[in-house]
Protein backbone atom coordinates (compact mmCIF):
# COMPACT_ATOMS: atom_id res chain seq x y z
CA MET A 1 -172.86 185.80 41.98
CA ARG A 2 -176.58 185.21 41.32
CA ALA A 3 -175.74 182.21 39.11
CA LEU A 4 -173.50 180.80 41.83
CA VAL A 5 -176.24 181.11 44.48
CA CYS A 6 -178.79 179.43 42.20
CA GLY A 7 -176.34 176.62 41.55
CA LEU A 8 -175.81 176.05 45.28
CA ILE A 9 -179.57 175.99 45.91
CA LEU A 10 -180.06 173.47 43.08
CA SER A 11 -177.33 171.24 44.52
CA VAL A 12 -178.98 171.24 47.94
CA LEU A 13 -182.38 170.37 46.44
CA VAL A 14 -180.88 167.46 44.47
CA SER A 15 -179.15 166.14 47.60
CA VAL A 16 -182.34 166.38 49.65
CA GLY A 17 -184.34 164.67 46.90
CA ALA A 18 -181.85 161.83 46.70
CA GLY A 19 -181.96 161.47 50.47
CA CYS A 20 -185.75 161.22 50.37
CA ARG A 21 -185.63 158.54 47.69
CA THR A 22 -183.11 156.57 49.70
CA GLN A 23 -185.23 156.86 52.84
CA LYS A 24 -188.32 155.77 50.91
CA ALA A 25 -186.54 152.69 49.61
CA THR A 26 -185.40 151.91 53.14
CA ASP A 27 -188.95 152.31 54.44
CA VAL A 28 -190.30 149.93 51.77
CA SER A 29 -187.65 147.36 52.62
CA SER A 30 -188.42 147.69 56.34
CA SER A 31 -192.12 147.27 55.62
CA LEU A 32 -191.46 143.99 53.81
CA ASP A 33 -189.33 142.74 56.67
CA GLN A 34 -191.98 143.65 59.23
CA ARG A 35 -194.68 141.95 57.20
CA ALA A 36 -192.74 138.73 57.17
CA SER A 37 -191.56 138.83 60.77
CA GLY A 38 -194.08 140.89 62.68
CA ALA A 39 -191.17 142.56 64.51
CA PRO A 40 -190.61 146.34 64.53
CA ALA A 41 -187.76 147.54 62.36
CA GLN A 42 -184.83 148.93 64.30
CA ALA A 43 -182.04 151.08 63.02
CA GLY A 44 -178.90 149.05 62.56
CA ALA A 45 -180.68 145.74 63.24
CA ALA A 46 -180.59 142.87 60.78
CA PRO A 47 -183.93 142.35 58.97
CA ALA A 48 -186.01 139.36 59.94
CA ASN A 49 -187.62 136.88 57.56
CA GLY A 50 -188.18 138.56 54.21
CA GLY A 51 -184.95 140.60 54.32
CA PRO A 52 -182.07 139.40 52.14
CA GLU A 53 -179.50 140.48 54.70
CA ALA A 54 -181.17 138.76 57.65
CA ALA A 55 -178.87 137.24 60.22
CA VAL A 56 -178.88 133.50 60.84
CA GLN A 57 -179.90 132.56 64.35
CA GLU A 58 -177.32 130.67 66.31
CA ALA A 59 -178.11 127.10 67.36
CA PRO A 60 -176.43 124.82 69.87
CA GLU A 61 -173.87 122.33 68.70
CA GLY A 62 -175.05 118.85 67.89
CA LEU A 63 -178.70 119.56 67.07
CA GLY A 64 -179.61 121.14 63.76
CA THR A 65 -176.39 123.13 63.53
CA SER A 66 -175.01 124.29 60.22
CA ALA A 67 -172.24 122.08 58.91
CA ALA A 68 -170.37 125.22 57.92
CA ASP A 69 -170.23 126.29 61.57
CA ALA A 70 -169.55 122.93 63.21
CA PRO A 71 -165.98 121.99 64.14
CA ASP A 72 -164.16 120.24 61.30
CA THR A 73 -163.05 117.44 63.60
CA ALA A 74 -166.63 116.72 64.66
CA LEU A 75 -167.73 116.48 61.03
CA ARG A 76 -164.85 114.17 60.15
CA ASN A 77 -165.53 111.89 63.10
CA ASP A 78 -169.30 111.76 62.65
CA LYS A 79 -169.89 109.12 59.99
CA ARG A 80 -173.68 109.23 60.10
CA PRO A 81 -175.38 110.02 56.77
CA LEU A 82 -176.69 113.57 56.58
CA ILE A 83 -180.21 114.88 56.31
CA VAL A 84 -179.92 118.52 55.25
CA CYS A 85 -182.86 120.82 55.94
CA PHE A 86 -182.37 123.51 53.30
CA GLY A 87 -184.59 126.58 53.45
CA ASP A 88 -185.42 129.96 54.95
CA SER A 89 -186.55 131.15 58.39
CA LEU A 90 -189.14 128.38 58.73
CA THR A 91 -186.22 125.95 58.67
CA ALA A 92 -183.81 128.17 60.60
CA GLY A 93 -186.25 128.35 63.54
CA TYR A 94 -186.68 132.12 63.49
CA GLY A 95 -188.13 133.51 66.72
CA THR A 96 -187.49 130.41 68.84
CA ASP A 97 -184.69 129.60 71.26
CA PRO A 98 -181.61 127.65 70.16
CA GLY A 99 -182.44 123.97 69.89
CA GLN A 100 -186.13 124.59 69.09
CA SER A 101 -186.11 124.65 65.28
CA TYR A 102 -187.88 121.86 63.42
CA PRO A 103 -184.52 120.30 62.33
CA ASP A 104 -183.63 120.04 66.04
CA ASP A 105 -186.90 118.25 66.71
CA LEU A 106 -186.38 116.05 63.67
CA GLN A 107 -183.00 114.99 65.05
CA ARG A 108 -184.63 114.04 68.35
CA ASP A 109 -187.38 112.11 66.57
CA LEU A 110 -184.85 110.17 64.49
CA ASP A 111 -182.77 109.35 67.56
CA ALA A 112 -185.85 108.18 69.47
CA LYS A 113 -186.80 105.83 66.63
CA GLY A 114 -183.30 104.41 66.34
CA TYR A 115 -182.29 105.99 63.02
CA THR A 116 -178.62 106.94 62.82
CA TYR A 117 -178.72 110.13 60.78
CA ARG A 118 -177.26 113.55 61.48
CA VAL A 119 -179.60 116.47 60.76
CA VAL A 120 -177.95 119.63 59.47
CA ASN A 121 -179.88 122.90 59.62
CA GLU A 122 -179.15 124.92 56.48
CA GLY A 123 -181.97 127.39 57.00
CA VAL A 124 -181.21 131.09 56.56
CA SER A 125 -183.80 133.67 57.58
CA GLY A 126 -184.85 135.95 54.74
CA ASN A 127 -183.70 133.66 51.93
CA THR A 128 -185.59 133.61 48.65
CA THR A 129 -185.34 130.86 46.03
CA LYS A 130 -182.60 132.93 44.37
CA ASP A 131 -180.64 133.00 47.64
CA GLY A 132 -181.09 129.25 47.94
CA LEU A 133 -179.69 128.85 44.45
CA GLY A 134 -176.64 130.82 45.55
CA ARG A 135 -176.06 128.41 48.45
CA LEU A 136 -176.73 125.28 46.43
CA ASN A 137 -173.11 124.30 45.79
CA HIS A 138 -172.42 124.35 49.53
CA VAL A 139 -175.28 121.94 50.19
CA VAL A 140 -174.23 119.62 47.35
CA ALA A 141 -170.70 119.56 48.78
CA LEU A 142 -172.09 118.11 52.03
CA HIS A 143 -173.15 114.96 50.11
CA PRO A 144 -176.40 114.54 52.05
CA ALA A 145 -178.37 111.32 51.88
CA ILE A 146 -181.62 113.32 52.02
CA THR A 147 -182.33 117.01 51.44
CA VAL A 148 -185.54 118.66 52.61
CA VAL A 149 -186.06 121.71 50.37
CA GLU A 150 -188.22 124.51 51.80
CA PHE A 151 -188.16 127.78 49.84
CA GLY A 152 -190.64 130.19 48.31
CA GLY A 153 -192.31 131.95 51.23
CA ASN A 154 -190.18 135.08 50.94
CA ASP A 155 -190.62 135.14 47.17
CA GLY A 156 -194.37 135.12 47.65
CA LEU A 157 -194.40 137.73 50.42
CA ARG A 158 -192.49 140.07 48.11
CA GLY A 159 -194.80 139.34 45.19
CA LEU A 160 -191.93 138.16 42.99
CA PRO A 161 -192.80 136.72 39.57
CA ILE A 162 -193.94 133.10 39.87
CA ALA A 163 -191.98 132.14 36.76
CA ASP A 164 -188.71 133.30 38.34
CA SER A 165 -189.33 131.55 41.65
CA ARG A 166 -190.37 128.35 39.90
CA ALA A 167 -187.28 128.39 37.67
CA ASN A 168 -185.02 128.87 40.70
CA LEU A 169 -186.69 126.08 42.66
CA ASP A 170 -186.60 123.86 39.58
CA GLN A 171 -182.84 124.30 39.32
CA ILE A 172 -182.40 123.61 43.03
CA VAL A 173 -184.32 120.32 42.86
CA GLN A 174 -182.73 119.29 39.56
CA THR A 175 -179.19 119.95 40.80
CA LEU A 176 -179.75 118.15 44.08
CA LYS A 177 -181.24 115.10 42.39
CA ALA A 178 -178.37 114.98 39.93
CA SER A 179 -175.93 115.00 42.85
CA GLY A 180 -177.39 111.76 44.19
CA THR A 181 -179.27 113.04 47.23
CA LYS A 182 -182.91 112.09 47.77
CA VAL A 183 -185.00 115.25 47.64
CA VAL A 184 -188.12 116.02 49.63
CA LEU A 185 -190.10 119.17 48.79
CA ALA A 186 -191.87 121.21 51.48
CA GLY A 187 -194.46 123.69 50.26
CA ILE A 188 -195.92 126.80 51.81
CA THR A 189 -198.79 129.12 50.89
CA LEU A 190 -199.72 132.81 51.19
CA PRO A 191 -202.33 134.97 52.94
CA PRO A 192 -205.54 135.52 50.93
CA ASP A 193 -204.82 139.22 50.31
CA TYR A 194 -202.24 138.23 47.68
CA GLY A 195 -205.05 137.34 45.30
CA ALA A 196 -206.53 133.99 44.28
CA ASP A 197 -204.72 133.78 40.93
CA TYR A 198 -201.27 134.56 42.33
CA ILE A 199 -201.76 132.16 45.25
CA HIS A 200 -202.96 129.38 42.94
CA GLN A 201 -199.91 129.73 40.69
CA PHE A 202 -197.68 129.94 43.76
CA ASN A 203 -199.09 126.72 45.25
CA GLU A 204 -198.90 124.94 41.90
CA THR A 205 -195.12 125.45 41.81
CA TYR A 206 -194.62 122.72 44.40
CA VAL A 207 -197.10 120.35 42.73
CA VAL A 208 -195.55 120.83 39.29
CA LEU A 209 -191.97 120.26 40.49
CA ALA A 210 -192.88 117.26 42.66
CA LYS A 211 -194.46 115.59 39.63
CA LYS A 212 -191.68 116.62 37.25
CA TYR A 213 -188.91 115.19 39.43
CA ASN A 214 -190.96 112.46 41.14
CA VAL A 215 -190.10 113.62 44.65
CA PRO A 216 -192.18 113.38 47.85
CA MET A 217 -193.94 116.63 48.69
CA ILE A 218 -195.91 118.11 51.56
CA PRO A 219 -198.13 120.89 50.16
CA PHE A 220 -198.11 122.93 53.38
CA LEU A 221 -195.21 122.62 55.82
CA LEU A 222 -197.27 124.23 58.60
CA GLN A 223 -200.08 121.69 58.32
CA GLY A 224 -201.58 121.13 61.77
CA VAL A 225 -199.72 124.21 63.01
CA PHE A 226 -201.15 127.29 61.32
CA GLY A 227 -204.24 128.55 63.12
CA GLN A 228 -203.78 126.25 66.09
CA PRO A 229 -203.55 127.79 69.58
CA GLY A 230 -199.99 128.08 70.82
CA MET A 231 -198.51 126.81 67.57
CA MET A 232 -197.78 130.08 65.77
CA GLN A 233 -195.84 133.16 66.84
CA ALA A 234 -197.50 136.58 67.05
CA ASP A 235 -196.40 137.35 63.47
CA ARG A 236 -198.64 134.49 62.21
CA THR A 237 -195.79 133.48 59.91
CA HIS A 238 -193.43 131.39 62.02
CA ALA A 239 -194.06 128.39 64.23
CA THR A 240 -193.45 128.45 67.96
CA ALA A 241 -191.26 125.84 69.63
CA LYS A 242 -194.36 123.72 70.13
CA GLY A 243 -195.37 124.26 66.52
CA ASN A 244 -191.94 123.19 65.28
CA GLU A 245 -192.44 119.83 66.96
CA VAL A 246 -195.46 119.29 64.70
CA VAL A 247 -193.53 120.53 61.66
CA ALA A 248 -190.81 117.97 62.44
CA ALA A 249 -193.46 115.25 62.64
CA ASN A 250 -194.80 116.35 59.23
CA VAL A 251 -191.32 116.08 57.73
CA MET A 252 -190.64 112.78 59.52
CA ARG A 253 -193.69 111.17 57.87
CA LEU A 254 -192.47 112.41 54.51
CA ILE A 255 -188.92 111.08 54.78
CA LEU A 256 -189.74 107.84 56.61
CA PRO A 257 -189.89 105.71 53.42
CA LEU A 258 -186.43 107.03 52.45
CA LEU A 259 -184.70 106.11 55.72
CA LYS A 260 -182.45 103.12 56.31
CA ARG A 261 -181.51 101.59 59.64
């Protein structure tokens, strides 16, 4: 009987210990998500930017919508060449209302200047370069004329190895170029508390790949946005609706030489 009691006690302790480890892992994951998004973690809620299971924000039809979600008939009837904005929450428009992502603004800018392109928003909040690699075949299948590639922020926020992130991004750019699309690379950077050496190597990823594949590159997508009043959300990570207008202008300048009327 004594042995049986001891065994039961041991089983309970093991179960409790496992539960604590699981909770700790959940807490770490929630902390990462909060760091990237600035939003409080909620039980049962999808993580924001930085979480691999983050939900994609819905956008209105016609402006910056995902081709996967648009009606098949609309895609078949729309013969405009595609510009695919391929990235994470900075592309998805996290934290803004539908129709206020930078791809939405880019579509409006193109229309205003008389360019007949359809902008497709393939941004998914929380995506890392590895996640982007997993979605690459879908983007290639769209046969875009131009692809704006914006990945890496979530890799950096998680402190992932630079070599891994660079290899993933390398494969993304290489595969897209081989498919015939014109690639534009949008870089991002990290807060100073990640250390000068890590940040330098992180920033160099975009420079190295732009030179290797001879593609246009903007070193910092949030140029003219970060640190400007009213341009950034409270999390200091994502642009506001007003900020996304500037981001779209940054991208527009980059792709302008690639456009045809």
